[in-house]
């Protein structure tokens, strides 16, 4: 099998639990470190699937790698190579496929409940987690649904928490979290948390409370989502 290409846009936002899942199922993968200046591959057919992780930047920023990533996503969908997006990755997918990304009404940081939309396609991806589950969040922007896509997750603070389009899934929330990721994000983002007045932003203490139990439940959700996604790998 060709490897799954995992695109890293920031040093602290690697594949997390997703890599653990792939290793457990003997699926080869590689990191494309665009944050370290690695070039964006020109042909998605070199991989069995493409996965885009998070990052602190906006897809609307003037960053050299954004345009080639958007083209790669479009080419991947055209070639039926499955695409998966986490947070910024989901926003990249939306913009590449005809949606848009703009400021969310409120910033979301920490643990928050998301609901599985009552649609067959939503149950296909998240039925094992229905009717809702606690996911992790760290975003100030949101995406719209591109043409042909279906909303599959939502919550009170962000209407579009995830969309599905055939074998492709874009998420605004983070299901890939690990203890180390939570620790490093809380450390680097402590000032952002302290300055925020959003009702959807938790304190560092609240984020870390019960972390082991929360992550175990989140990983169970991730297992089901990733199991659905790998069915489409070329």
C-alpha atoms as a PDB file:
ATOM      1  CA  UNK A   1       0.000   0.000   0.000  1.00  0.00           C
ATOM      2  CA  UNK A   2       1.143   3.520  -0.747  1.00  0.00           C
ATOM      3  CA  UNK A   3       1.629   5.628   2.401  1.00  0.00           C
ATOM      4  CA  UNK A   4      -0.903   8.024   3.844  1.00  0.00           C
ATOM      5  CA  UNK A   5       0.533  11.544   3.590  1.00  0.00           C
ATOM      6  CA  UNK A   6       0.026  13.563   6.783  1.00  0.00           C
ATOM      7  CA  UNK A   7       0.487  17.304   6.332  1.00  0.00           C
ATOM      8  CA  UNK A   8       1.896  19.153   9.351  1.00  0.00           C
ATOM      9  CA  UNK A   9       1.407  22.910   9.374  1.00  0.00           C
ATOM     10  CA  UNK A  10       2.879  23.692  12.816  1.00  0.00           C
ATOM     11  CA  UNK A  11       5.484  21.864  14.945  1.00  0.00           C
ATOM     12  CA  UNK A  12       3.083  21.205  17.844  1.00  0.00           C
ATOM     13  CA  UNK A  13       0.217  19.999  15.632  1.00  0.00           C
ATOM     14  CA  UNK A  14       1.371  16.624  14.425  1.00  0.00           C
ATOM     15  CA  UNK A  15      -0.748  13.537  13.715  1.00  0.00           C
ATOM     16  CA  UNK A  16      -1.265  12.632  17.369  1.00  0.00           C
ATOM     17  CA  UNK A  17      -3.612   9.705  17.911  1.00  0.00           C
ATOM     18  CA  UNK A  18      -4.186   9.342  14.175  1.00  0.00           C
ATOM     19  CA  UNK A  19      -0.619   8.043  13.768  1.00  0.00           C
ATOM     20  CA  UNK A  20      -1.228   5.595  16.621  1.00  0.00           C
ATOM     21  CA  UNK A  21      -4.304   4.327  14.815  1.00  0.00           C
ATOM     22  CA  UNK A  22      -2.444   3.850  11.521  1.00  0.00           C
ATOM     23  CA  UNK A  23       0.422   2.024  13.242  1.00  0.00           C
ATOM     24  CA  UNK A  24      -2.030  -0.275  15.020  1.00  0.00           C
ATOM     25  CA  UNK A  25      -3.500  -1.238  11.644  1.00  0.00           C
ATOM     26  CA  UNK A  26      -0.132  -1.547   9.846  1.00  0.00           C
ATOM     27  CA  UNK A  27      -0.931   1.308   7.464  1.00  0.00           C
ATOM     28  CA  UNK A  28       2.219   3.116   6.259  1.00  0.00           C
ATOM     29  CA  UNK A  29       2.343   6.885   6.606  1.00  0.00           C
ATOM     30  CA  UNK A  30       4.707   9.792   6.148  1.00  0.00           C
ATOM     31  CA  UNK A  31       4.849  13.384   7.339  1.00  0.00           C
ATOM     32  CA  UNK A  32       4.893  16.262   4.875  1.00  0.00           C
ATOM     33  CA  UNK A  33       6.328  19.060   6.990  1.00  0.00           C
ATOM     34  CA  UNK A  34       5.163  22.169   5.182  1.00  0.00           C
ATOM     35  CA  UNK A  35       5.982  24.037   8.415  1.00  0.00           C
ATOM     36  CA  UNK A  36       9.613  23.037   7.853  1.00  0.00           C
ATOM     37  CA  UNK A  37       9.642  24.105   4.218  1.00  0.00           C
ATOM     38  CA  UNK A  38       8.982  20.716   2.624  1.00  0.00           C
ATOM     39  CA  UNK A  39       7.390  21.099  -0.818  1.00  0.00           C
ATOM     40  CA  UNK A  40       3.758  20.176  -1.380  1.00  0.00           C
ATOM     41  CA  UNK A  41       3.655  16.979  -3.473  1.00  0.00           C
ATOM     42  CA  UNK A  42       2.269  17.615  -6.962  1.00  0.00           C
ATOM     43  CA  UNK A  43       0.310  14.366  -7.405  1.00  0.00           C
ATOM     44  CA  UNK A  44      -2.081  12.912  -4.810  1.00  0.00           C
ATOM     45  CA  UNK A  45      -1.977   9.544  -6.560  1.00  0.00           C
ATOM     46  CA  UNK A  46       1.453   8.962  -4.996  1.00  0.00           C
ATOM     47  CA  UNK A  47      -0.415   8.298  -1.727  1.00  0.00           C
ATOM     48  CA  UNK A  48      -3.286   6.120  -0.547  1.00  0.00           C
ATOM     49  CA  UNK A  49      -4.854   9.100   1.247  1.00  0.00           C
ATOM     50  CA  UNK A  50      -4.141  12.666   2.355  1.00  0.00           C
ATOM     51  CA  UNK A  51      -4.577  13.983   5.902  1.00  0.00           C
ATOM     52  CA  UNK A  52      -4.308  17.630   6.916  1.00  0.00           C
ATOM     53  CA  UNK A  53      -3.697  18.539  10.547  1.00  0.00           C
ATOM     54  CA  UNK A  54      -4.292  21.775  12.463  1.00  0.00           C
ATOM     55  CA  UNK A  55      -2.352  25.017  12.738  1.00  0.00           C
ATOM     56  CA  UNK A  56      -2.598  28.538  14.161  1.00  0.00           C
ATOM     57  CA  UNK A  57      -2.719  30.272  10.802  1.00  0.00           C
ATOM     58  CA  UNK A  58      -5.757  31.122   8.679  1.00  0.00           C
ATOM     59  CA  UNK A  59      -6.400  29.580   5.273  1.00  0.00           C
ATOM     60  CA  UNK A  60      -6.952  33.181   4.141  1.00  0.00           C
ATOM     61  CA  UNK A  61      -3.385  34.189   5.079  1.00  0.00           C
ATOM     62  CA  UNK A  62      -0.825  34.941   2.372  1.00  0.00           C
ATOM     63  CA  UNK A  63       1.361  31.869   2.977  1.00  0.00           C
ATOM     64  CA  UNK A  64       3.235  30.252   0.068  1.00  0.00           C
ATOM     65  CA  UNK A  65       2.134  26.667   0.717  1.00  0.00           C
ATOM     66  CA  UNK A  66      -1.612  27.354   0.963  1.00  0.00           C
ATOM     67  CA  UNK A  67      -2.337  27.662  -2.788  1.00  0.00           C
ATOM     68  CA  UNK A  68      -0.560  24.396  -3.723  1.00  0.00           C
ATOM     69  CA  UNK A  69      -2.267  22.589  -0.822  1.00  0.00           C
ATOM     70  CA  UNK A  70      -5.681  23.772  -2.029  1.00  0.00           C
ATOM     71  CA  UNK A  71      -4.880  22.530  -5.535  1.00  0.00           C
ATOM     72  CA  UNK A  72      -3.673  19.197  -4.152  1.00  0.00           C
ATOM     73  CA  UNK A  73      -6.948  18.745  -2.258  1.00  0.00           C
ATOM     74  CA  UNK A  74      -8.983  19.463  -5.400  1.00  0.00           C
ATOM     75  CA  UNK A  75      -6.827  17.057  -7.403  1.00  0.00           C
ATOM     76  CA  UNK A  76      -7.163  14.421  -4.695  1.00  0.00           C
ATOM     77  CA  UNK A  77     -10.954  14.620  -4.685  1.00  0.00           C
ATOM     78  CA  UNK A  78     -10.970  14.455  -8.490  1.00  0.00           C
ATOM     79  CA  UNK A  79      -8.760  11.355  -8.354  1.00  0.00           C
ATOM     80  CA  UNK A  80     -10.862   9.724  -5.597  1.00  0.00           C
ATOM     81  CA  UNK A  81      -7.950   9.735  -3.143  1.00  0.00           C
ATOM     82  CA  UNK A  82      -9.557  10.111   0.320  1.00  0.00           C
ATOM     83  CA  UNK A  83      -8.912  13.357   2.192  1.00  0.00           C
ATOM     84  CA  UNK A  84      -9.252  13.900   5.944  1.00  0.00           C
ATOM     85  CA  UNK A  85      -8.994  17.267   7.691  1.00  0.00           C
ATOM     86  CA  UNK A  86      -8.597  18.200  11.357  1.00  0.00           C
ATOM     87  CA  UNK A  87      -9.454  21.831  12.259  1.00  0.00           C
ATOM     88  CA  UNK A  88      -7.261  23.917   9.904  1.00  0.00           C
ATOM     89  CA  UNK A  89      -7.220  20.841   7.694  1.00  0.00           C
ATOM     90  CA  UNK A  90     -11.006  20.908   7.524  1.00  0.00           C
ATOM     91  CA  UNK A  91     -10.922  24.606   6.671  1.00  0.00           C
ATOM     92  CA  UNK A  92      -8.429  23.945   3.876  1.00  0.00           C
ATOM     93  CA  UNK A  93     -10.777  21.306   2.487  1.00  0.00           C
ATOM     94  CA  UNK A  94     -13.742  23.670   2.587  1.00  0.00           C
ATOM     95  CA  UNK A  95     -11.929  26.467   0.785  1.00  0.00           C
ATOM     96  CA  UNK A  96     -10.384  24.114  -1.782  1.00  0.00           C
ATOM     97  CA  UNK A  97     -13.771  22.625  -2.661  1.00  0.00           C
ATOM     98  CA  UNK A  98     -15.749  25.846  -3.030  1.00  0.00           C
ATOM     99  CA  UNK A  99     -16.605  26.822   0.537  1.00  0.00           C
ATOM    100  CA  UNK A 100     -15.284  29.729   2.548  1.00  0.00           C
ATOM    101  CA  UNK A 101     -13.620  30.337   5.909  1.00  0.00           C
ATOM    102  CA  UNK A 102     -14.353  33.273   8.196  1.00  0.00           C
ATOM    103  CA  UNK A 103     -14.402  34.254  11.853  1.00  0.00           C
ATOM    104  CA  UNK A 104     -16.615  32.112  14.057  1.00  0.00           C
ATOM    105  CA  UNK A 105     -19.095  33.999  16.293  1.00  0.00           C
ATOM    106  CA  UNK A 106     -17.084  32.855  19.335  1.00  0.00           C
ATOM    107  CA  UNK A 107     -13.716  31.260  19.932  1.00  0.00           C
ATOM    108  CA  UNK A 108     -13.784  27.635  21.108  1.00  0.00           C
ATOM    109  CA  UNK A 109     -10.950  26.293  23.270  1.00  0.00           C
ATOM    110  CA  UNK A 110     -11.171  23.152  25.383  1.00  0.00           C
ATOM    111  CA  UNK A 111     -13.675  20.362  25.728  1.00  0.00           C
ATOM    112  CA  UNK A 112     -17.142  20.813  24.288  1.00  0.00           C
ATOM    113  CA  UNK A 113     -20.063  18.662  23.273  1.00  0.00           C
ATOM    114  CA  UNK A 114     -20.805  18.148  19.576  1.00  0.00           C
ATOM    115  CA  UNK A 115     -23.988  16.567  18.218  1.00  0.00           C
ATOM    116  CA  UNK A 116     -24.228  14.009  15.435  1.00  0.00           C
ATOM    117  CA  UNK A 117     -26.649  15.319  12.809  1.00  0.00           C
ATOM    118  CA  UNK A 118     -29.695  13.112  12.195  1.00  0.00           C
ATOM    119  CA  UNK A 119     -28.783  12.067   8.657  1.00  0.00           C
ATOM    120  CA  UNK A 120     -27.715   8.706   7.204  1.00  0.00           C
ATOM    121  CA  UNK A 121     -24.331  10.060   6.113  1.00  0.00           C
ATOM    122  CA  UNK A 122     -23.685  11.440   9.602  1.00  0.00           C
ATOM    123  CA  UNK A 123     -24.545   8.097  11.163  1.00  0.00           C
ATOM    124  CA  UNK A 124     -22.213   6.421   8.682  1.00  0.00           C
ATOM    125  CA  UNK A 125     -19.286   8.410  10.068  1.00  0.00           C
ATOM    126  CA  UNK A 126     -20.324   9.097  13.673  1.00  0.00           C
ATOM    127  CA  UNK A 127     -23.183   6.721  14.454  1.00  0.00           C
ATOM    128  CA  UNK A 128     -21.049   4.961  17.058  1.00  0.00           C
ATOM    129  CA  UNK A 129     -20.802   8.295  18.932  1.00  0.00           C
ATOM    130  CA  UNK A 130     -24.446   9.403  18.568  1.00  0.00           C
ATOM    131  CA  UNK A 131     -26.271  11.368  19.714  1.00  0.00           C
ATOM    132  CA  UNK A 132     -23.314  13.472  20.896  1.00  0.00           C
ATOM    133  CA  UNK A 133     -19.805  13.308  22.325  1.00  0.00           C
ATOM    134  CA  UNK A 134     -17.241  15.573  23.974  1.00  0.00           C
ATOM    135  CA  UNK A 135     -14.576  16.638  21.499  1.00  0.00           C
ATOM    136  CA  UNK A 136     -11.599  18.959  21.811  1.00  0.00           C
ATOM    137  CA  UNK A 137     -11.621  22.419  20.240  1.00  0.00           C
ATOM    138  CA  UNK A 138      -9.151  25.194  19.513  1.00  0.00           C
ATOM    139  CA  UNK A 139     -10.343  27.552  16.800  1.00  0.00           C
ATOM    140  CA  UNK A 140     -11.513  31.079  16.119  1.00  0.00           C
ATOM    141  CA  UNK A 141     -12.651  30.577  12.534  1.00  0.00           C
ATOM    142  CA  UNK A 142     -15.199  28.327  10.855  1.00  0.00           C
ATOM    143  CA  UNK A 143     -15.914  26.911   7.408  1.00  0.00           C
ATOM    144  CA  UNK A 144     -19.004  26.761   5.216  1.00  0.00           C
ATOM    145  CA  UNK A 145     -20.150  23.600   3.478  1.00  0.00           C
ATOM    146  CA  UNK A 146     -18.777  23.245  -0.056  1.00  0.00           C
ATOM    147  CA  UNK A 147     -21.175  22.179  -2.835  1.00  0.00           C
ATOM    148  CA  UNK A 148     -22.378  18.606  -2.414  1.00  0.00           C
ATOM    149  CA  UNK A 149     -21.141  18.232   1.157  1.00  0.00           C
ATOM    150  CA  UNK A 150     -23.344  17.268   4.112  1.00  0.00           C
ATOM    151  CA  UNK A 151     -23.054  18.625   7.638  1.00  0.00           C
ATOM    152  CA  UNK A 152     -22.450  15.684   9.979  1.00  0.00           C
ATOM    153  CA  UNK A 153     -21.508  17.373  13.287  1.00  0.00           C
ATOM    154  CA  UNK A 154     -22.722  20.588  14.910  1.00  0.00           C
ATOM    155  CA  UNK A 155     -22.901  22.360  18.266  1.00  0.00           C
ATOM    156  CA  UNK A 156     -24.206  25.516  19.909  1.00  0.00           C
ATOM    157  CA  UNK A 157     -21.066  27.567  19.243  1.00  0.00           C
ATOM    158  CA  UNK A 158     -20.151  26.450  15.722  1.00  0.00           C
ATOM    159  CA  UNK A 159     -22.796  25.228  13.287  1.00  0.00           C
ATOM    160  CA  UNK A 160     -20.413  23.388  10.992  1.00  0.00           C
ATOM    161  CA  UNK A 161     -18.297  21.078  13.132  1.00  0.00           C
ATOM    162  CA  UNK A 162     -17.771  18.539  10.345  1.00  0.00           C
ATOM    163  CA  UNK A 163     -18.851  17.766   6.794  1.00  0.00           C
ATOM    164  CA  UNK A 164     -18.646  14.647   4.645  1.00  0.00           C
ATOM    165  CA  UNK A 165     -18.340  14.420   0.887  1.00  0.00           C
ATOM    166  CA  UNK A 166     -18.118  10.846  -0.358  1.00  0.00           C
ATOM    167  CA  UNK A 167     -14.956   9.287   1.142  1.00  0.00           C
ATOM    168  CA  UNK A 168     -13.724  12.674   2.381  1.00  0.00           C
ATOM    169  CA  UNK A 169     -14.256  14.088   5.876  1.00  0.00           C
ATOM    170  CA  UNK A 170     -13.497  17.589   7.169  1.00  0.00           C
ATOM    171  CA  UNK A 171     -13.687  18.357  10.893  1.00  0.00           C
ATOM    172  CA  UNK A 172     -13.503  21.644  12.753  1.00  0.00           C
ATOM    173  CA  UNK A 173     -12.987  19.835  16.046  1.00  0.00           C
ATOM    174  CA  UNK A 174      -9.979  17.768  17.113  1.00  0.00           C
ATOM    175  CA  UNK A 175     -10.385  14.020  17.642  1.00  0.00           C
ATOM    176  CA  UNK A 176      -6.636  13.335  17.350  1.00  0.00           C
ATOM    177  CA  UNK A 177      -5.605  14.718  20.740  1.00  0.00           C
ATOM    178  CA  UNK A 178      -3.036  13.068  23.030  1.00  0.00           C
ATOM    179  CA  UNK A 179      -1.864  14.002  26.553  1.00  0.00           C
ATOM    180  CA  UNK A 180       1.325  15.563  25.163  1.00  0.00           C
ATOM    181  CA  UNK A 181      -0.612  17.643  22.647  1.00  0.00           C
ATOM    182  CA  UNK A 182      -2.961  18.989  25.303  1.00  0.00           C
ATOM    183  CA  UNK A 183      -0.031  19.815  27.554  1.00  0.00           C
ATOM    184  CA  UNK A 184       1.935  21.647  24.862  1.00  0.00           C
ATOM    185  CA  UNK A 185      -1.087  23.535  23.519  1.00  0.00           C
ATOM    186  CA  UNK A 186      -2.082  24.694  26.990  1.00  0.00           C
ATOM    187  CA  UNK A 187       1.473  25.881  27.581  1.00  0.00           C
ATOM    188  CA  UNK A 188       1.846  27.743  24.299  1.00  0.00           C
ATOM    189  CA  UNK A 189      -1.743  29.033  24.357  1.00  0.00           C
ATOM    190  CA  UNK A 190      -2.004  30.073  27.998  1.00  0.00           C
ATOM    191  CA  UNK A 191      -1.953  33.773  27.141  1.00  0.00           C
ATOM    192  CA  UNK A 192      -4.637  33.342  24.469  1.00  0.00           C
ATOM    193  CA  UNK A 193      -6.836  31.514  26.972  1.00  0.00           C
ATOM    194  CA  UNK A 194      -6.311  34.146  29.664  1.00  0.00           C
ATOM    195  CA  UNK A 195      -7.214  37.002  27.304  1.00  0.00           C
ATOM    196  CA  UNK A 196     -10.323  35.396  25.845  1.00  0.00           C
ATOM    197  CA  UNK A 197     -13.812  36.461  26.945  1.00  0.00           C
ATOM    198  CA  UNK A 198     -15.584  33.739  24.976  1.00  0.00           C
ATOM    199  CA  UNK A 199     -18.102  31.539  26.843  1.00  0.00           C
ATOM    200  CA  UNK A 200     -16.682  28.585  24.894  1.00  0.00           C
ATOM    201  CA  UNK A 201     -13.117  28.976  26.178  1.00  0.00           C
ATOM    202  CA  UNK A 202     -12.122  26.921  29.211  1.00  0.00           C
ATOM    203  CA  UNK A 203      -9.345  27.611  31.684  1.00  0.00           C
ATOM    204  CA  UNK A 204      -6.173  25.545  31.520  1.00  0.00           C
ATOM    205  CA  UNK A 205      -7.237  23.809  34.719  1.00  0.00           C
ATOM    206  CA  UNK A 206     -10.620  22.872  33.290  1.00  0.00           C
ATOM    207  CA  UNK A 207      -9.025  21.597  30.087  1.00  0.00           C
ATOM    208  CA  UNK A 208      -6.650  19.306  31.961  1.00  0.00           C
ATOM    209  CA  UNK A 209      -9.199  18.044  34.492  1.00  0.00           C
ATOM    210  CA  UNK A 210     -10.113  14.408  33.905  1.00  0.00           C
ATOM    211  CA  UNK A 211      -7.895  14.318  30.855  1.00  0.00           C
ATOM    212  CA  UNK A 212      -7.170  10.591  30.874  1.00  0.00           C
ATOM    213  CA  UNK A 213     -10.839   9.612  30.976  1.00  0.00           C
ATOM    214  CA  UNK A 214     -11.832  12.231  28.425  1.00  0.00           C
ATOM    215  CA  UNK A 215      -9.137  11.143  26.000  1.00  0.00           C
ATOM    216  CA  UNK A 216     -10.081   7.482  26.325  1.00  0.00           C
ATOM    217  CA  UNK A 217     -13.633   8.336  25.264  1.00  0.00           C
ATOM    218  CA  UNK A 218     -12.410  10.601  22.456  1.00  0.00           C
ATOM    219  CA  UNK A 219     -10.094   7.900  21.139  1.00  0.00           C
ATOM    220  CA  UNK A 220     -13.044   5.493  21.005  1.00  0.00           C
ATOM    221  CA  UNK A 221     -14.828   8.047  18.804  1.00  0.00           C
ATOM    222  CA  UNK A 222     -11.693   8.511  16.689  1.00  0.00           C
ATOM    223  CA  UNK A 223     -11.357   4.748  16.209  1.00  0.00           C
ATOM    224  CA  UNK A 224     -14.771   4.596  14.547  1.00  0.00           C
ATOM    225  CA  UNK A 225     -14.164   7.656  12.367  1.00  0.00           C
ATOM    226  CA  UNK A 226     -10.729   6.542  11.224  1.00  0.00           C
ATOM    227  CA  UNK A 227     -12.034   3.011  10.564  1.00  0.00           C
ATOM    228  CA  UNK A 228     -14.617   4.507   8.196  1.00  0.00           C
ATOM    229  CA  UNK A 229     -12.018   6.703   6.492  1.00  0.00           C
ATOM    230  CA  UNK A 230      -9.448   3.981   5.818  1.00  0.00           C
ATOM    231  CA  UNK A 231     -12.074   1.965   3.933  1.00  0.00           C
ATOM    232  CA  UNK A 232     -11.538   4.363   1.047  1.00  0.00           C
ATOM    233  CA  UNK A 233      -7.738   4.141   0.915  1.00  0.00           C
ATOM    234  CA  UNK A 234      -6.403   3.322  -2.516  1.00  0.00           C
END
